[in-house]
Amino acid sequence: MIRSRVIGCGVYLPDNVVTNDELAKRVDTSDEWIRERTGIRERRIAREGENTSHLAVEAARAALKDAAIDAGEIDLIIVATTTPDETFPATATVVQSRLGISRGAAFDVQAVCSGFIYGLAVADNFIKAGQAETVLLIGAETMSRLMDWTDRATCVLFGDGAGAFVLQAHEGGGTSADRGVLNTMLYSDGRLHDLLYVDGGPSSTRTTGYLRMKGKEVFRHAVANLSSAILDSAAKAGVSVDDINWFVPHQANQRILDATAKKLGVAPERMVSTVAVHGNTSSASVPLALMSAVQDGRIKRGDLLLLEAMGGGFTWGAALVRW
C-alpha cells in the first residue's frame, strides 16, 4: 500500500523573545504565576510587518532543504493556520508564489490548534488517493495578533512560529512496521464553541476579534479527548501505548501534558515538551516540538510517534507516524 512518508522537516521562529518578566511589565502577572499554571518561561513574538506567510515560507524552505528536493517537485501546499495574512486569498497561495511554484494546488486548513493534525490527514489522503505525490504541509501562526494584551489569562499563553513537513508517496507493506503515516484520527464537537473562540470575524463583527477562553473547562476536555484519541489511534494500528516511542503533543500547557501522560500511564519523559520556550503556537506547535526532539537526537529513524492536538471548535485528533 501507499504510505505518506515524512522526507523532510523544518521550523522557523521569530527572533523576538518575550520573557515572562517582560510580560509582567505590560499586564498584571508575574513569572512565578505563569510558570506555576502553564510551565511557560518565554515565547517568540513576530515583529511588526512579519506576517504568518513570512514564517511559513522560512519553515518551508528549511523543510525542502532537509528533504533535498526542489520546490518545483511539490504537487500540493497545505497551510494550517488560524491567523492568515488576509481574509483571502489563502496564505498557502502566498507561500506558493514566494517559493516560485506555479503548478499543483495550494489551500489553507482551519482547525485552530488541531490544524497540523487535520492538515496531515488531508495530505495523507491526497497521497493515498494518488492525487499528489509530494506534499508540503505547514503549520504557521502569529497568535500574538489575536491577543487581548489586558487579559492575563490568555495573553501569557501564546506565541508565534511555524513548522513544516515534506511528505512523499512510498510503498509500504501495510503493517505498523511501515515508515510513514500509519493512521490519522479526527474529531470535533461544535457544542463546545464558547469554551475557546475569537469574538470577531468578517461575517459577524467585521473585525479580527480577540481570543477568549475558559481555561479550566478547556483543560478538562483536553485531557479526556486527547487520551481517547491516542488510544483510538493505537488500537486502529494494532499497537499498544507501550509500543509508542515518543508522544508529540500540542504544546498548550505543561499541566495538560502531565495529566495526559498520567491518564495513559506513560512516563512524562516520553512526552516531548517545548511549551516552556515556545508557549502555545497553535497549529505550529506539533512540528516545532517534533523538530526539537529530532535535532537533539531523541527521535530516531524507525521510532513510532504519536502526534496529537486539540483546539477551539472543539477540534482534536491524533496521528500515528513511523519516523
Protein backbone atom coordinates (compact mmCIF):
# COMPACT_ATOMS: atom_id res chain seq x y z
CA MET A 1 0.00 0.00 0.00
CA ILE A 2 0.98 3.63 -0.39
CA ARG A 3 2.32 5.38 2.72
CA SER A 4 2.89 9.11 3.20
CA ARG A 5 6.47 9.31 4.41
CA VAL A 6 7.99 12.42 6.02
CA ILE A 7 11.15 13.04 3.99
CA GLY A 8 11.95 16.50 5.37
CA CYS A 9 11.00 18.85 8.16
CA GLY A 10 11.83 22.43 9.05
CA VAL A 11 10.89 25.14 11.52
CA TYR A 12 11.09 28.89 11.90
CA LEU A 13 10.78 31.08 14.98
CA PRO A 14 10.80 34.90 15.10
CA ASP A 15 13.95 36.28 16.71
CA ASN A 16 11.94 38.41 19.16
CA VAL A 17 11.97 36.54 22.51
CA VAL A 18 9.49 37.79 25.13
CA THR A 19 10.03 36.52 28.68
CA ASN A 20 7.51 36.31 31.48
CA ASP A 21 9.25 39.19 33.25
CA GLU A 22 8.79 41.37 30.18
CA LEU A 23 5.08 40.50 30.04
CA ALA A 24 4.76 41.40 33.71
CA LYS A 25 5.60 44.98 32.75
CA ARG A 26 2.55 45.08 30.45
CA VAL A 27 -0.10 43.12 32.34
CA ASP A 28 -0.87 42.17 35.96
CA THR A 29 1.09 38.92 36.14
CA SER A 30 4.46 37.51 37.21
CA ASP A 31 6.98 34.91 36.12
CA GLU A 32 6.01 32.73 39.09
CA TRP A 33 2.27 32.98 38.31
CA ILE A 34 2.77 31.99 34.66
CA ARG A 35 5.24 29.16 35.31
CA GLU A 36 3.15 27.62 38.07
CA ARG A 37 -0.01 27.47 35.93
CA THR A 38 1.42 26.76 32.48
CA GLY A 39 5.12 25.85 32.56
CA ILE A 40 5.85 28.67 30.11
CA ARG A 41 9.02 30.77 30.56
CA GLU A 42 9.13 32.63 27.26
CA ARG A 43 7.64 32.80 23.79
CA ARG A 44 8.52 34.25 20.36
CA ILE A 45 6.50 37.21 19.10
CA ALA A 46 6.57 38.26 15.44
CA ARG A 47 7.74 41.79 14.81
CA GLU A 48 5.67 44.44 13.04
CA GLY A 49 5.44 43.53 9.36
CA GLU A 50 6.38 39.89 9.99
CA ASN A 51 3.30 38.02 8.82
CA THR A 52 2.22 34.40 9.05
CA SER A 53 3.28 33.86 5.44
CA HIS A 54 6.81 35.03 6.23
CA LEU A 55 7.12 32.43 8.99
CA ALA A 56 5.55 29.75 6.77
CA VAL A 57 7.92 30.39 3.87
CA GLU A 58 11.02 30.15 6.07
CA ALA A 59 9.84 26.87 7.63
CA ALA A 60 9.01 25.55 4.16
CA ARG A 61 12.47 26.40 2.82
CA ALA A 62 14.08 24.61 5.76
CA ALA A 63 11.91 21.53 5.16
CA LEU A 64 12.69 21.48 1.43
CA LYS A 65 16.40 21.73 2.19
CA ASP A 66 16.13 18.88 4.71
CA ALA A 67 14.28 16.78 2.11
CA ALA A 68 16.91 17.64 -0.52
CA ILE A 69 14.27 18.36 -3.15
CA ASP A 70 13.46 21.35 -5.32
CA ALA A 71 10.33 23.40 -4.69
CA GLY A 72 9.18 22.57 -8.20
CA GLU A 73 8.59 18.96 -7.16
CA ILE A 74 5.77 19.96 -4.80
CA ASP A 75 2.29 18.95 -6.03
CA LEU A 76 0.26 20.40 -3.15
CA ILE A 77 0.75 23.01 -0.44
CA ILE A 78 -1.40 22.93 2.70
CA VAL A 79 -1.05 25.66 5.31
CA ALA A 80 -2.72 25.04 8.66
CA THR A 81 -3.37 28.44 10.23
CA THR A 82 -5.94 30.39 12.18
CA THR A 83 -4.07 33.66 11.62
CA PRO A 84 -3.92 34.13 7.82
CA ASP A 85 -2.28 37.21 6.34
CA GLU A 86 -5.62 38.22 4.82
CA THR A 87 -9.22 37.02 4.89
CA PHE A 88 -8.48 35.84 1.37
CA PRO A 89 -6.63 34.56 -0.58
CA ALA A 90 -5.33 31.54 1.26
CA THR A 91 -1.94 32.03 2.89
CA ALA A 92 -0.89 28.81 1.10
CA THR A 93 -1.10 30.61 -2.25
CA VAL A 94 1.20 33.35 -0.91
CA VAL A 95 3.67 30.66 0.13
CA GLN A 96 3.34 29.01 -3.28
CA SER A 97 4.22 32.26 -5.03
CA ARG A 98 7.19 33.08 -2.79
CA LEU A 99 8.63 29.61 -3.29
CA GLY A 100 8.41 30.09 -7.04
CA ILE A 101 5.92 27.24 -7.54
CA SER A 102 3.44 27.60 -10.40
CA ARG A 103 1.94 24.11 -10.54
CA GLY A 104 -0.33 22.00 -8.40
CA ALA A 105 -2.70 23.38 -5.77
CA ALA A 106 -2.49 25.35 -2.55
CA PHE A 107 -5.07 25.94 0.19
CA ASP A 108 -5.43 26.59 3.93
CA VAL A 109 -6.87 24.34 6.64
CA GLN A 110 -8.51 25.93 9.69
CA ALA A 111 -8.83 23.79 12.80
CA VAL A 112 -7.00 26.14 15.20
CA CYS A 113 -4.54 24.22 17.40
CA SER A 114 -5.52 20.92 15.74
CA GLY A 115 -4.71 22.37 12.33
CA PHE A 116 -1.48 20.48 11.73
CA ILE A 117 -3.09 17.12 12.55
CA TYR A 118 -6.05 17.95 10.29
CA GLY A 119 -3.63 19.06 7.58
CA LEU A 120 -1.63 15.85 7.96
CA ALA A 121 -4.81 13.84 7.47
CA VAL A 122 -5.66 15.81 4.32
CA ALA A 123 -2.13 15.41 2.93
CA ASP A 124 -2.11 11.69 3.71
CA ASN A 125 -5.43 11.14 1.97
CA PHE A 126 -4.38 13.11 -1.12
CA ILE A 127 -1.27 10.94 -1.37
CA LYS A 128 -3.16 7.67 -0.78
CA ALA A 129 -5.74 8.66 -3.40
CA GLY A 130 -2.97 9.25 -5.94
CA GLN A 131 -3.87 12.93 -6.35
CA ALA A 132 -0.48 14.12 -5.10
CA GLU A 133 2.92 12.52 -4.81
CA THR A 134 4.80 15.19 -2.84
CA VAL A 135 3.04 17.49 -0.38
CA LEU A 136 4.31 20.48 1.60
CA LEU A 137 2.41 20.75 4.88
CA ILE A 138 2.95 23.84 7.03
CA GLY A 139 1.60 24.90 10.41
CA ALA A 140 2.16 28.64 10.83
CA GLU A 141 0.73 31.15 13.28
CA THR A 142 1.04 34.71 14.55
CA MET A 143 -1.22 34.15 17.54
CA SER A 144 0.06 37.36 19.12
CA ARG A 145 -2.21 39.24 16.66
CA LEU A 146 -5.30 37.73 18.33
CA MET A 147 -4.34 38.60 21.89
CA ASP A 148 -6.10 41.00 24.21
CA TRP A 149 -2.98 42.24 25.97
CA THR A 150 -5.03 43.28 29.02
CA ASP A 151 -6.26 39.71 29.62
CA ARG A 152 -3.59 37.93 31.65
CA ALA A 153 -5.45 34.62 31.44
CA THR A 154 -4.80 34.35 27.70
CA CYS A 155 -2.07 36.72 26.51
CA VAL A 156 0.64 34.93 28.53
CA LEU A 157 -0.08 31.60 26.85
CA PHE A 158 0.55 32.14 23.18
CA GLY A 159 3.48 32.65 20.84
CA ASP A 160 4.31 32.75 17.14
CA GLY A 161 6.13 30.25 14.94
CA ALA A 162 5.98 27.82 12.03
CA GLY A 163 6.86 24.23 11.24
CA ALA A 164 6.69 22.21 8.02
CA PHE A 165 6.79 18.64 6.70
CA VAL A 166 7.53 17.42 3.20
CA LEU A 167 5.54 14.22 2.68
CA GLN A 168 6.05 11.87 -0.25
CA ALA A 169 4.38 8.70 -1.50
CA HIS A 170 6.29 5.50 -0.79
CA GLU A 171 5.28 1.85 -0.97
CA GLY A 172 4.67 0.07 2.32
CA GLY A 173 3.74 -3.42 3.38
CA GLY A 174 0.51 -2.38 5.08
CA THR A 175 1.72 -3.11 8.62
CA SER A 176 2.63 -0.96 11.60
CA ALA A 177 6.29 -1.56 10.74
CA ASP A 178 5.96 0.68 7.66
CA ARG A 179 7.67 4.05 7.73
CA GLY A 180 5.27 6.95 7.26
CA VAL A 181 1.78 7.91 8.40
CA LEU A 182 0.05 4.82 9.77
CA ASN A 183 -3.27 6.49 10.56
CA THR A 184 -4.96 9.77 11.42
CA MET A 185 -7.97 10.23 13.70
CA LEU A 186 -10.02 13.45 13.60
CA TYR A 187 -12.84 14.64 15.85
CA SER A 188 -14.89 17.75 16.60
CA ASP A 189 -17.74 18.91 18.83
CA GLY A 190 -19.22 22.29 17.92
CA ARG A 191 -21.31 22.40 21.09
CA LEU A 192 -18.17 23.44 22.99
CA HIS A 193 -17.64 26.62 20.94
CA ASP A 194 -17.98 29.00 23.86
CA LEU A 195 -15.08 27.49 25.79
CA LEU A 196 -12.46 28.68 23.29
CA TYR A 197 -13.12 31.10 20.44
CA VAL A 198 -12.32 34.51 18.93
CA ASP A 199 -15.00 37.15 19.41
CA GLY A 200 -14.87 38.55 15.89
CA GLY A 201 -14.79 37.80 12.18
CA PRO A 202 -15.67 39.22 8.75
CA SER A 203 -19.26 37.94 8.80
CA SER A 204 -20.15 38.81 12.40
CA THR A 205 -18.24 41.90 13.52
CA ARG A 206 -16.11 42.85 10.50
CA THR A 207 -13.13 42.79 12.88
CA THR A 208 -10.44 40.28 13.77
CA GLY A 209 -11.55 39.99 17.39
CA TYR A 210 -9.70 38.65 20.42
CA LEU A 211 -9.18 35.14 21.72
CA ARG A 212 -11.46 34.19 24.64
CA MET A 213 -11.08 31.06 26.74
CA LYS A 214 -12.50 29.31 29.78
CA GLY A 215 -9.26 27.69 30.88
CA LYS A 216 -10.50 25.20 33.48
CA GLU A 217 -13.08 23.70 31.14
CA VAL A 218 -10.62 23.54 28.25
CA PHE A 219 -8.15 21.70 30.49
CA ARG A 220 -10.73 19.08 31.49
CA HIS A 221 -11.84 18.37 27.93
CA ALA A 222 -8.27 18.39 26.60
CA VAL A 223 -7.07 15.61 28.90
CA ALA A 224 -10.13 13.41 28.26
CA ASN A 225 -10.31 13.97 24.49
CA LEU A 226 -6.62 13.64 23.78
CA SER A 227 -6.26 10.48 25.85
CA SER A 228 -9.18 8.93 23.98
CA ALA A 229 -7.77 9.92 20.57
CA ILE A 230 -4.39 8.41 21.43
CA LEU A 231 -5.97 5.11 22.47
CA ASP A 232 -8.13 5.05 19.31
CA SER A 233 -5.10 5.64 17.08
CA ALA A 234 -3.02 2.94 18.76
CA ALA A 235 -5.89 0.43 18.61
CA LYS A 236 -6.50 1.12 14.92
CA ALA A 237 -2.85 0.37 14.14
CA GLY A 238 -2.83 -2.74 16.31
CA VAL A 239 -0.20 -1.41 18.70
CA SER A 240 -0.23 -0.65 22.40
CA VAL A 241 0.57 2.64 24.10
CA ASP A 242 3.75 0.96 25.36
CA ASP A 243 4.87 0.40 21.76
CA ILE A 244 4.93 4.13 21.09
CA ASN A 245 8.42 5.59 21.50
CA TRP A 246 7.51 9.28 21.66
CA PHE A 247 4.37 11.33 22.15
CA VAL A 248 4.48 14.71 20.39
CA PRO A 249 1.56 16.71 21.75
CA HIS A 250 0.22 20.15 21.03
CA GLN A 251 2.07 22.49 23.38
CA ALA A 252 -0.79 24.25 25.18
CA ASN A 253 0.09 23.87 28.85
CA GLN A 254 2.58 21.68 30.70
CA ARG A 255 -0.14 20.61 33.13
CA ILE A 256 -2.21 19.22 30.23
CA LEU A 257 0.81 17.25 29.01
CA ASP A 258 1.49 15.86 32.50
CA ALA A 259 -2.17 14.99 33.16
CA THR A 260 -2.50 13.22 29.79
CA ALA A 261 0.65 11.19 30.45
CA LYS A 262 -0.68 10.22 33.88
CA LYS A 263 -4.08 9.19 32.49
CA LEU A 264 -2.39 6.96 29.90
CA GLY A 265 0.16 5.57 32.34
CA VAL A 266 3.01 6.98 30.26
CA ALA A 267 6.27 8.28 31.72
CA PRO A 268 6.31 12.09 31.39
CA GLU A 269 9.76 11.82 29.79
CA ARG A 270 8.16 10.24 26.70
CA MET A 271 6.08 13.38 26.14
CA VAL A 272 8.10 15.85 24.05
CA SER A 273 7.68 19.28 25.62
CA THR A 274 8.75 22.68 24.29
CA VAL A 275 5.98 24.71 25.89
CA ALA A 276 8.47 26.37 28.26
CA VAL A 277 10.28 28.14 25.41
CA HIS A 278 7.59 28.36 22.70
CA GLY A 279 4.33 28.83 24.56
CA ASN A 280 1.22 27.81 22.63
CA THR A 281 1.90 28.33 18.92
CA SER A 282 -1.39 26.72 17.86
CA SER A 283 -1.03 24.76 14.60
CA ALA A 284 2.75 25.24 14.61
CA SER A 285 3.32 23.59 17.98
CA VAL A 286 3.43 19.92 16.93
CA PRO A 287 6.08 20.30 14.19
CA LEU A 288 8.08 22.70 16.38
CA ALA A 289 8.13 20.16 19.21
CA LEU A 290 8.89 17.26 16.88
CA MET A 291 11.79 19.03 15.22
CA SER A 292 13.26 19.89 18.62
CA ALA A 293 13.36 16.20 19.53
CA VAL A 294 14.80 15.26 16.12
CA GLN A 295 17.57 17.84 16.41
CA ASP A 296 18.62 16.78 19.90
CA GLY A 297 18.69 13.11 18.90
CA ARG A 298 15.75 11.80 20.90
CA ILE A 299 13.65 10.89 17.86
CA LYS A 300 15.45 8.44 15.59
CA ARG A 301 14.70 6.74 12.28
CA GLY A 302 12.15 3.98 12.80
CA ASP A 303 10.71 5.36 16.04
CA LEU A 304 6.93 5.18 16.47
CA LEU A 305 5.49 8.63 17.15
CA LEU A 306 2.03 9.70 18.32
CA LEU A 307 1.18 13.27 17.33
CA GLU A 308 -1.91 14.83 18.92
CA ALA A 309 -3.64 18.17 19.39
CA MET A 310 -6.86 19.85 20.48
CA GLY A 311 -8.12 23.31 19.59
CA GLY A 312 -11.10 25.63 19.52
CA GLY A 313 -14.25 24.36 17.93
CA PHE A 314 -13.67 21.98 19.68
CA THR A 315 -11.48 20.06 17.25
CA TRP A 316 -8.99 17.37 18.19
CA GLY A 317 -7.11 14.50 16.65
CA ALA A 318 -4.14 12.16 16.61
CA ALA A 319 -1.74 10.73 14.05
CA LEU A 320 0.48 7.68 14.35
CA VAL A 321 3.70 8.04 12.37
CA ARG A 322 6.67 5.72 11.92
CA TRP A 323 9.62 8.12 11.57
